[in-house]
Structure formats: C-alpha cells, structure tokens
Amino acid sequence: MNLGFKKKENKIDMKEVNEVIGLSKKILNLFYAVMIIGIILILTIIAKEWGVFNFILDILKVISPFLIGFIVAWLLNPIVKKLEDKGIPRIAGSILIYLVFIVIIIVFIRVLIPTIYNQINELVNNIPQVVRDVESFVDNTFTNFGEFDLTAVKENVLGTVNNVVSNFTTNLPTFIINLIGSLFSSLVTIVFGLVIGLYMLFDFDSINRMLLKIFPKKNRFEISLLITNISTEVRKVINGTFLIATMVFVCDSIGFAIVGLQAPLLFGLFCGITDLIPYIGPYIGGAGATIVAFSQGPVVGVSVLIICIVVQLVENMILQPIVMSKTMKLNPVTIIVGLLIFQHFFGILGMIFATPCIALIKVLYKFIIEKYNLFNNQNTVLINEEGK
C-alpha cells in the first residue's frame, strides 16, 4: 500500500568532503615531516652517546687535507668553468684562479691580522679604564632612580660586569696563544690541502665521475642529479651568506672607525662573523660593540648603536633581497629549530654551519619523498562535486 511518502534523498556536500580530505592530507604531511625530524634528532642523540661523532672527527682529521682540497676545488670550480667557456685552457684557468685566491689569503694575513692583533692589545690595555667607565655609567643610571632602592640590582650588575671582564682578560691571552698554536700546527695540513685542491681543480669533473662509480649503474643518473642539486643549493647559501657577512664587516668597520670606537676592525670582524648566524647573529655582534662604545661615552655609544641598526636594516631590506634572491628559501621556523639543534650539539660553530646543513637536508628530504612517492597527490583522490 502506497502511503504517499517519498524517500528523502541525502545530498552530500562534495565541497566540504574535499576540504576535509585536503586538510587530512596536510595533517598527514605535517606528521611525516615531524616524524622525519624526530628520527634525525633521535639518531643524532644516539650517535653522540655512542661516541660516533668522536670517531668521525678522528677520521676527518686524518683525511682533512683531502677535505680541504675538495672544498677549495668545489668552490673555485664554477669560476674555472666560466674561464674555460671563454677559451682559456682549464689548467691555465685553474692556476690563474688559484694564484688570485692565494694572493687574497696572503693580503688578509699580512694586512688584517697584524692590525687586529694591535687593536686587541690596545683594547686589553684600556680594559681597566673601560671597566671604570662602565661602573660609573651603571652607578649614574641607578642614581637617577633614587626614589627606589635598587642597591641589590646595582651590585648584581656590577658583579656581572667584573666577572665578564675578569674572564675576558684571563682567557684572552690563553685563547690567542692556543689559536696561534693551532694555526701553525695546521699550517702543513692547509698547505697540503691547497696543493691537493689544485690537482683536483685540474679535472674536477673526472673526480665526480669516479665517485659515481661507487653506486650501481641503474642509480648513477639520479645520484648525479642529487649531487648536482646539493652542490647548487649549498653553494648558493654559502656564497650569499659569505658575501653579506663581508659587506657587514666592511660597513661596520668603516662606521666604527668614523665614530671613534676602540678596535673598530676587531668589532667589525666580530659583527661579520656573527652575521653568519641567521636571525640572532647580528644582535650578538652588535651588543658587544655597543657595550664597549657606551663605556667610551654616550655619544659614541649611541652612534655605534645607530650604525648597527642601520647596517642591519640595509642588510634586511637591500642586501638580503638582492644577494640572496636566488638562494633557496628556508622557512624561518625551520632555520631556528636547526640553529637550536646544531648549537646544542656543536656550539657556536654548529650555529654558523647550520644553514648550509639545513639546505643539504632539505635537498635530501625532497629527493627521498619524490623517489618513494611519500606525498604523491595520487594517493589521495578528491571527490568532485559531480560525484565522479
């Protein structure tokens, strides 16, 4: 018997279904990324506990001349290729570029190092006066807040300043002696490395082909493509970062010298080196120069602070977009997490080398997900509104 009722059709909103599936896919991709980062972190911790890093460092010390030579040849190879494209024989181009490279190193050692050494001696001799100026500045600052009892805070600040200065004056001579000793002890290794690098530069492509023979024939093409991508991206990061750090060093040194900061070349070099550390590096370098500048007087202090701010703004708004425009883009959160991890395991040097290593890891990560189709769009089929 027909009671006149019609069965109500349930119409599914395909747009909402697609949004849910798309969101699920994004969450799954994020889960995979977090899982890979977690695995890398766990393996790093295990390697550190088992002493794997120490074993690797021992091996690297033995083969360090070959590593130095390979890195030098790898850095200079693009320039030699450009000369070769212009008709200059590769051996002649390699010798020419190497001579320019060695001349730059000699000029750096003969001109910059003695100047910095003299400025360090001058700074050390003036440290007692700097301490007195800082103490006077702190005392005057707290005196202006006479209605508040800040004696304990003032004593803590002065105690911290004295401890920092005491450690600096005590450790600096030892550090310089150890650094000079390390440089001289490494001089033979560096010279051997440069010689090996020149021979590698003569026929760098043959070395790449020889290394590829380690892998099976069926995988050589994709391994060659991977090596090319790694080389390109890491070289972009290194060249761009080094160029910007050099510009910061030059601009800061000139500015510090103009306003009368003690040891301007030393603090300019310090700002340039710390600028190699993304995000937080410029503040580390600028803080040291500003503290010493304020000990010389408010005018010098404010001037140095303005120079640091202006140079940083120029770097962020002009140098970074121009120099790093062709550099691979890395998410700021990714870089900060990488900095924290590398700083924890390798200290300040780890922070300096963190960005190139993150760039390398990114290329490897992209290679793996493309090779094994981990995030293949075909794995998730979205339903269209027609129900197909």
Protein backbone atom coordinates (compact mmCIF):
# COMPACT_ATOMS: atom_id res chain seq x y z
CA MET A 1 0.00 0.00 0.00
CA ASN A 2 1.37 3.36 -1.04
CA LEU A 3 1.07 5.84 1.82
CA GLY A 4 2.30 8.73 -0.28
CA PHE A 5 5.62 9.12 1.44
CA LYS A 6 8.70 9.82 -0.63
CA LYS A 7 12.10 8.70 0.41
CA LYS A 8 14.17 11.78 1.22
CA GLU A 9 17.44 11.88 -0.69
CA ASN A 10 20.56 12.71 1.32
CA LYS A 11 22.69 15.05 -0.76
CA ILE A 12 26.38 15.08 0.20
CA ASP A 13 28.21 18.39 0.04
CA MET A 14 31.22 17.37 -2.08
CA LYS A 15 32.97 20.69 -1.47
CA GLU A 16 33.08 20.03 2.28
CA VAL A 17 34.26 16.47 1.66
CA ASN A 18 37.12 17.76 -0.49
CA GLU A 19 38.08 20.30 2.18
CA VAL A 20 38.13 17.59 4.87
CA ILE A 21 40.24 15.29 2.69
CA GLY A 22 42.62 18.15 1.80
CA LEU A 23 43.01 19.10 5.46
CA SER A 24 43.66 15.46 6.36
CA LYS A 25 46.35 15.30 3.72
CA LYS A 26 48.05 18.43 5.10
CA ILE A 27 47.96 16.97 8.61
CA LEU A 28 49.44 13.72 7.31
CA ASN A 29 52.24 15.60 5.53
CA LEU A 30 52.97 17.55 8.72
CA PHE A 31 53.05 14.29 10.67
CA TYR A 32 55.55 12.80 8.21
CA ALA A 33 57.76 15.90 8.47
CA VAL A 34 57.69 15.87 12.29
CA MET A 35 58.40 12.13 12.27
CA ILE A 36 61.43 12.57 10.00
CA ILE A 37 62.78 15.41 12.17
CA GLY A 38 62.23 13.26 15.28
CA ILE A 39 64.06 10.31 13.75
CA ILE A 40 67.00 12.56 12.78
CA LEU A 41 67.11 14.00 16.31
CA ILE A 42 66.97 10.55 17.94
CA LEU A 43 69.73 9.22 15.67
CA THR A 44 71.85 12.29 16.47
CA ILE A 45 71.42 11.75 20.22
CA ILE A 46 72.27 8.05 19.89
CA ALA A 47 75.33 8.85 17.78
CA LYS A 48 76.52 11.34 20.41
CA GLU A 49 76.00 8.87 23.29
CA TRP A 50 77.85 6.09 21.45
CA GLY A 51 80.76 8.37 20.61
CA VAL A 52 80.13 8.16 16.88
CA PHE A 53 80.88 11.87 16.46
CA ASN A 54 84.30 11.49 18.08
CA PHE A 55 85.09 8.56 15.79
CA ILE A 56 84.00 10.59 12.76
CA LEU A 57 86.10 13.56 13.91
CA ASP A 58 89.16 11.32 14.20
CA ILE A 59 88.63 10.10 10.64
CA LEU A 60 88.11 13.66 9.40
CA LYS A 61 91.40 14.73 11.00
CA VAL A 62 93.23 12.01 9.08
CA ILE A 63 91.68 12.87 5.72
CA SER A 64 91.48 16.64 6.40
CA PRO A 65 93.98 17.57 3.61
CA PHE A 66 91.74 15.84 1.06
CA LEU A 67 88.64 17.52 2.51
CA ILE A 68 90.30 20.96 2.38
CA GLY A 69 91.41 20.35 -1.19
CA PHE A 70 87.98 19.12 -2.25
CA ILE A 71 86.16 22.08 -0.67
CA VAL A 72 88.55 24.60 -2.28
CA ALA A 73 88.23 22.89 -5.67
CA TRP A 74 84.45 22.70 -5.28
CA LEU A 75 84.20 26.41 -4.51
CA LEU A 76 86.51 27.51 -7.34
CA ASN A 77 85.26 25.07 -9.98
CA PRO A 78 82.40 27.30 -11.30
CA ILE A 79 84.83 30.19 -11.90
CA VAL A 80 87.26 27.91 -13.72
CA LYS A 81 84.38 26.61 -15.85
CA LYS A 82 83.46 30.15 -16.87
CA LEU A 83 87.06 30.81 -17.90
CA GLU A 84 87.09 27.53 -19.79
CA ASP A 85 83.92 28.55 -21.67
CA LYS A 86 85.72 31.74 -22.75
CA GLY A 87 88.52 29.69 -24.35
CA ILE A 88 91.07 29.61 -21.53
CA PRO A 89 92.53 26.10 -21.02
CA ARG A 90 91.37 24.51 -17.78
CA ILE A 91 94.86 24.05 -16.34
CA ALA A 92 95.80 27.67 -17.07
CA GLY A 93 92.49 28.91 -15.66
CA SER A 94 92.93 26.79 -12.53
CA ILE A 95 96.44 28.13 -11.91
CA LEU A 96 95.28 31.73 -12.50
CA ILE A 97 92.32 31.46 -10.11
CA TYR A 98 94.47 29.69 -7.54
CA LEU A 99 97.10 32.45 -7.67
CA VAL A 100 94.40 35.09 -7.11
CA PHE A 101 92.99 33.02 -4.24
CA ILE A 102 96.41 32.67 -2.58
CA VAL A 103 97.16 36.39 -3.04
CA ILE A 104 93.90 37.25 -1.27
CA ILE A 105 94.83 34.96 1.62
CA ILE A 106 98.33 36.48 1.90
CA VAL A 107 96.92 40.03 1.84
CA PHE A 108 94.42 39.08 4.53
CA ILE A 109 97.17 37.61 6.73
CA ARG A 110 99.70 40.41 6.16
CA VAL A 111 97.31 43.35 6.49
CA LEU A 112 94.31 42.36 8.57
CA ILE A 113 95.81 40.03 11.17
CA PRO A 114 98.53 42.43 12.47
CA THR A 115 96.01 45.28 12.64
CA ILE A 116 93.55 43.19 14.60
CA TYR A 117 96.34 41.97 16.90
CA ASN A 118 97.38 45.58 17.65
CA GLN A 119 93.79 46.57 18.30
CA ILE A 120 93.35 43.63 20.69
CA ASN A 121 96.44 44.73 22.64
CA GLU A 122 95.12 48.30 22.74
CA LEU A 123 91.73 47.10 23.93
CA VAL A 124 93.27 44.89 26.64
CA ASN A 125 95.41 47.80 27.88
CA ASN A 126 92.33 50.02 28.06
CA ILE A 127 90.15 47.45 29.82
CA PRO A 128 90.68 48.94 33.35
CA GLN A 129 89.50 52.33 32.08
CA VAL A 130 86.60 50.67 30.26
CA VAL A 131 85.58 48.91 33.49
CA ARG A 132 85.68 52.18 35.42
CA ASP A 133 83.60 53.89 32.75
CA VAL A 134 81.03 51.09 32.78
CA GLU A 135 80.84 51.14 36.58
CA SER A 136 80.39 54.93 36.54
CA PHE A 137 77.68 54.65 33.88
CA VAL A 138 75.82 51.96 35.87
CA ASP A 139 76.15 53.92 39.11
CA ASN A 140 74.83 57.12 37.50
CA THR A 141 71.97 55.23 35.89
CA PHE A 142 70.80 53.77 39.19
CA THR A 143 71.29 57.09 40.95
CA ASN A 144 68.63 58.58 38.70
CA PHE A 145 66.17 56.16 40.29
CA GLY A 146 66.88 57.47 43.79
CA GLU A 147 63.30 57.02 44.96
CA PHE A 148 63.69 53.24 44.53
CA ASP A 149 66.05 51.02 46.47
CA LEU A 150 67.95 49.27 43.67
CA THR A 151 71.18 48.65 45.55
CA ALA A 152 70.97 44.87 45.21
CA VAL A 153 70.28 45.11 41.49
CA LYS A 154 73.18 47.53 41.01
CA GLU A 155 75.57 45.22 42.89
CA ASN A 156 74.47 42.28 40.75
CA VAL A 157 75.03 44.25 37.53
CA LEU A 158 78.46 45.45 38.67
CA GLY A 159 79.38 41.94 39.80
CA THR A 160 78.39 40.53 36.42
CA VAL A 161 80.45 43.18 34.60
CA ASN A 162 83.51 42.45 36.75
CA ASN A 163 83.15 38.69 36.21
CA VAL A 164 82.85 39.10 32.45
CA VAL A 165 85.85 41.43 32.28
CA SER A 166 87.90 39.18 34.57
CA ASN A 167 87.15 36.10 32.46
CA PHE A 168 87.89 38.06 29.28
CA THR A 169 91.27 39.33 30.45
CA THR A 170 92.21 35.94 31.89
CA ASN A 171 91.15 33.79 28.96
CA LEU A 172 92.04 36.09 26.05
CA PRO A 173 95.84 35.60 26.16
CA THR A 174 95.42 31.84 26.50
CA PHE A 175 92.90 31.81 23.67
CA ILE A 176 95.20 33.80 21.38
CA ILE A 177 98.19 31.56 22.16
CA ASN A 178 96.15 28.41 21.57
CA LEU A 179 94.71 29.85 18.36
CA ILE A 180 98.16 30.77 17.01
CA GLY A 181 99.50 27.36 18.01
CA SER A 182 96.59 25.63 16.27
CA LEU A 183 97.12 27.68 13.12
CA PHE A 184 100.82 26.85 12.96
CA SER A 185 100.20 23.19 13.71
CA SER A 186 97.56 23.13 10.98
CA LEU A 187 99.72 25.03 8.50
CA VAL A 188 101.22 21.87 6.98
CA THR A 189 97.75 20.33 6.65
CA ILE A 190 96.41 23.51 5.00
CA VAL A 191 99.33 23.68 2.55
CA PHE A 192 98.88 20.00 1.60
CA GLY A 193 95.15 20.64 1.24
CA LEU A 194 95.73 23.58 -1.11
CA VAL A 195 98.13 21.52 -3.25
CA ILE A 196 95.64 18.65 -3.43
CA GLY A 197 92.87 21.13 -4.25
CA LEU A 198 94.86 22.49 -7.22
CA TYR A 199 95.29 18.99 -8.67
CA MET A 200 91.59 18.27 -8.08
CA LEU A 201 90.66 21.51 -9.81
CA PHE A 202 92.59 20.47 -12.94
CA ASP A 203 89.97 17.77 -13.65
CA PHE A 204 87.14 18.16 -11.15
CA ASP A 205 84.54 16.53 -13.40
CA SER A 206 86.59 13.33 -13.60
CA ILE A 207 86.57 13.15 -9.80
CA ASN A 208 82.77 13.37 -9.83
CA ARG A 209 82.56 10.58 -12.40
CA MET A 210 84.95 8.47 -10.35
CA LEU A 211 82.83 8.95 -7.21
CA LEU A 212 79.69 7.96 -9.10
CA LYS A 213 81.25 4.58 -9.92
CA ILE A 214 80.73 3.65 -6.28
CA PHE A 215 76.97 3.41 -6.95
CA PRO A 216 75.19 0.84 -9.16
CA LYS A 217 74.78 1.83 -12.80
CA LYS A 218 70.98 1.98 -12.59
CA ASN A 219 71.16 4.60 -9.81
CA ARG A 220 74.01 6.75 -11.15
CA PHE A 221 71.82 9.20 -13.05
CA GLU A 222 69.59 10.06 -10.09
CA ILE A 223 72.58 10.17 -7.72
CA SER A 224 74.34 12.50 -10.15
CA LEU A 225 71.24 14.71 -10.25
CA LEU A 226 71.07 14.67 -6.44
CA ILE A 227 74.74 15.67 -6.12
CA THR A 228 74.22 18.48 -8.62
CA ASN A 229 71.20 19.80 -6.71
CA ILE A 230 73.03 19.61 -3.38
CA SER A 231 76.08 21.35 -4.83
CA THR A 232 73.97 24.11 -6.40
CA GLU A 233 71.80 24.85 -3.38
CA VAL A 234 74.56 24.66 -0.76
CA ARG A 235 76.86 26.83 -2.89
CA LYS A 236 74.09 29.44 -3.17
CA VAL A 237 73.69 29.54 0.61
CA ILE A 238 77.44 29.69 1.29
CA ASN A 239 78.22 32.31 -1.37
CA GLY A 240 75.28 34.53 -0.45
CA THR A 241 75.86 34.31 3.31
CA PHE A 242 79.61 34.91 2.99
CA LEU A 243 79.12 37.89 0.68
CA ILE A 244 76.62 39.53 3.02
CA ALA A 245 78.83 38.89 6.06
CA THR A 246 81.76 40.50 4.23
CA MET A 247 79.66 43.56 3.42
CA VAL A 248 78.57 43.81 7.07
CA PHE A 249 82.21 43.56 8.18
CA VAL A 250 83.31 46.36 5.83
CA CYS A 251 80.38 48.69 6.59
CA ASP A 252 80.59 48.19 10.37
CA SER A 253 84.38 48.62 10.44
CA ILE A 254 84.21 51.89 8.49
CA GLY A 255 81.36 53.19 10.63
CA PHE A 256 83.01 52.23 13.91
CA ALA A 257 86.26 53.90 12.85
CA ILE A 258 84.47 57.12 11.90
CA VAL A 259 82.67 57.47 15.28
CA GLY A 260 85.84 56.65 17.24
CA LEU A 261 85.10 53.19 18.66
CA GLN A 262 88.13 51.40 20.09
CA ALA A 263 89.34 48.48 17.96
CA PRO A 264 86.89 49.17 15.11
CA LEU A 265 88.33 46.50 12.83
CA LEU A 266 88.11 43.90 15.59
CA PHE A 267 84.47 44.62 16.36
CA GLY A 268 83.64 44.91 12.66
CA LEU A 269 85.13 41.45 12.08
CA PHE A 270 83.22 40.13 15.08
CA CYS A 271 79.96 41.53 13.66
CA GLY A 272 80.74 39.99 10.26
CA ILE A 273 81.45 36.55 11.74
CA THR A 274 78.37 36.56 13.97
CA ASP A 275 76.28 37.68 10.99
CA LEU A 276 76.87 34.18 9.59
CA ILE A 277 74.40 33.03 12.27
CA PRO A 278 70.88 33.72 10.94
CA TYR A 279 68.49 35.96 12.87
CA ILE A 280 70.32 36.17 16.22
CA GLY A 281 73.89 36.64 14.94
CA PRO A 282 73.65 40.39 14.18
CA TYR A 283 72.36 41.09 17.70
CA ILE A 284 75.25 39.16 19.26
CA GLY A 285 77.82 41.14 17.28
CA GLY A 286 76.11 44.50 17.76
CA ALA A 287 75.69 44.00 21.52
CA GLY A 288 79.44 43.60 22.13
CA ALA A 289 80.34 46.69 20.11
CA THR A 290 77.58 48.78 21.73
CA ILE A 291 78.60 47.88 25.30
CA VAL A 292 82.21 48.92 24.71
CA ALA A 293 81.03 52.05 22.86
CA PHE A 294 78.87 53.22 25.77
CA SER A 295 81.87 52.80 28.08
CA GLN A 296 83.62 55.43 25.94
CA GLY A 297 80.73 57.85 26.29
CA PRO A 298 77.04 58.28 25.44
CA VAL A 299 77.78 59.91 22.08
CA VAL A 300 79.98 57.03 20.89
CA GLY A 301 77.53 54.51 22.32
CA VAL A 302 74.50 55.97 20.58
CA SER A 303 76.49 56.38 17.34
CA VAL A 304 77.61 52.72 17.33
CA LEU A 305 74.06 51.61 18.16
CA ILE A 306 72.71 53.62 15.23
CA ILE A 307 75.38 52.16 12.91
CA CYS A 308 74.47 48.61 13.93
CA ILE A 309 70.76 49.30 13.39
CA VAL A 310 71.30 50.99 10.01
CA VAL A 311 73.62 48.23 8.74
CA GLN A 312 71.11 45.61 9.88
CA LEU A 313 68.25 47.43 8.13
CA VAL A 314 70.30 47.74 4.93
CA GLU A 315 71.10 44.05 5.13
CA ASN A 316 67.46 43.02 5.65
CA MET A 317 65.93 45.40 3.10
CA ILE A 318 68.60 45.58 0.37
CA LEU A 319 71.39 43.02 0.68
CA GLN A 320 69.21 40.03 1.54
CA PRO A 321 66.72 40.56 -1.34
CA ILE A 322 69.47 41.28 -3.90
CA VAL A 323 72.21 38.84 -2.89
CA MET A 324 70.00 36.05 -1.57
CA SER A 325 67.23 36.38 -4.16
CA LYS A 326 68.39 33.25 -5.96
CA THR A 327 69.15 31.36 -2.79
CA MET A 328 66.85 28.56 -1.76
CA LYS A 329 64.05 29.68 0.53
CA LEU A 330 64.03 28.21 4.02
CA ASN A 331 61.20 28.65 6.49
CA PRO A 332 62.32 30.81 9.46
CA VAL A 333 60.92 28.27 11.93
CA THR A 334 62.95 25.53 10.24
CA ILE A 335 66.14 27.60 10.49
CA ILE A 336 65.53 28.50 14.17
CA VAL A 337 64.89 24.86 15.09
CA GLY A 338 68.03 23.87 13.18
CA LEU A 339 70.04 26.56 14.99
CA LEU A 340 68.90 25.27 18.37
CA ILE A 341 69.74 21.66 17.49
CA PHE A 342 73.17 22.47 15.99
CA GLN A 343 74.00 24.83 18.87
CA HIS A 344 73.15 22.12 21.39
CA PHE A 345 75.43 19.54 19.80
CA PHE A 346 78.18 21.65 18.19
CA GLY A 347 78.13 25.08 19.91
CA ILE A 348 78.73 28.37 18.06
CA LEU A 349 80.42 26.64 15.10
CA GLY A 350 77.33 24.50 14.75
CA MET A 351 75.17 27.62 14.50
CA ILE A 352 77.43 29.03 11.77
CA PHE A 353 77.24 25.85 9.68
CA ALA A 354 73.58 25.18 10.48
CA THR A 355 72.09 26.91 7.41
CA PRO A 356 74.20 25.06 4.77
CA CYS A 357 73.49 21.77 6.57
CA ILE A 358 69.75 22.53 6.66
CA ALA A 359 69.89 23.33 2.94
CA LEU A 360 71.56 19.96 2.32
CA ILE A 361 68.97 18.15 4.46
CA LYS A 362 66.17 19.89 2.57
CA VAL A 363 67.50 18.68 -0.79
CA LEU A 364 67.86 15.13 0.56
CA TYR A 365 64.36 15.29 2.04
CA LYS A 366 62.90 16.42 -1.29
CA PHE A 367 64.82 13.69 -3.13
CA ILE A 368 63.51 10.96 -0.79
CA ILE A 369 59.84 12.00 -0.92
CA GLU A 370 59.98 12.27 -4.72
CA LYS A 371 61.78 8.95 -5.16
CA TYR A 372 59.44 6.97 -2.89
CA ASN A 373 56.26 9.00 -3.61
CA LEU A 374 55.65 9.61 0.08
CA PHE A 375 53.36 12.57 -0.55
CA ASN A 376 52.11 11.68 -4.01
CA ASN A 377 48.89 13.50 -4.83
CA GLN A 378 47.57 10.36 -6.49
CA ASN A 379 47.48 8.61 -3.13
CA THR A 380 44.51 10.82 -2.14
CA VAL A 381 41.65 11.09 -4.63
CA LEU A 382 39.38 14.07 -4.07
CA ILE A 383 35.73 13.66 -4.87
CA ASN A 384 34.44 16.34 -7.19
CA GLU A 385 31.05 17.93 -6.95
CA GLU A 386 29.65 15.79 -9.78
CA GLY A 387 30.39 12.66 -7.73
CA LYS A 388 32.94 11.32 -10.22
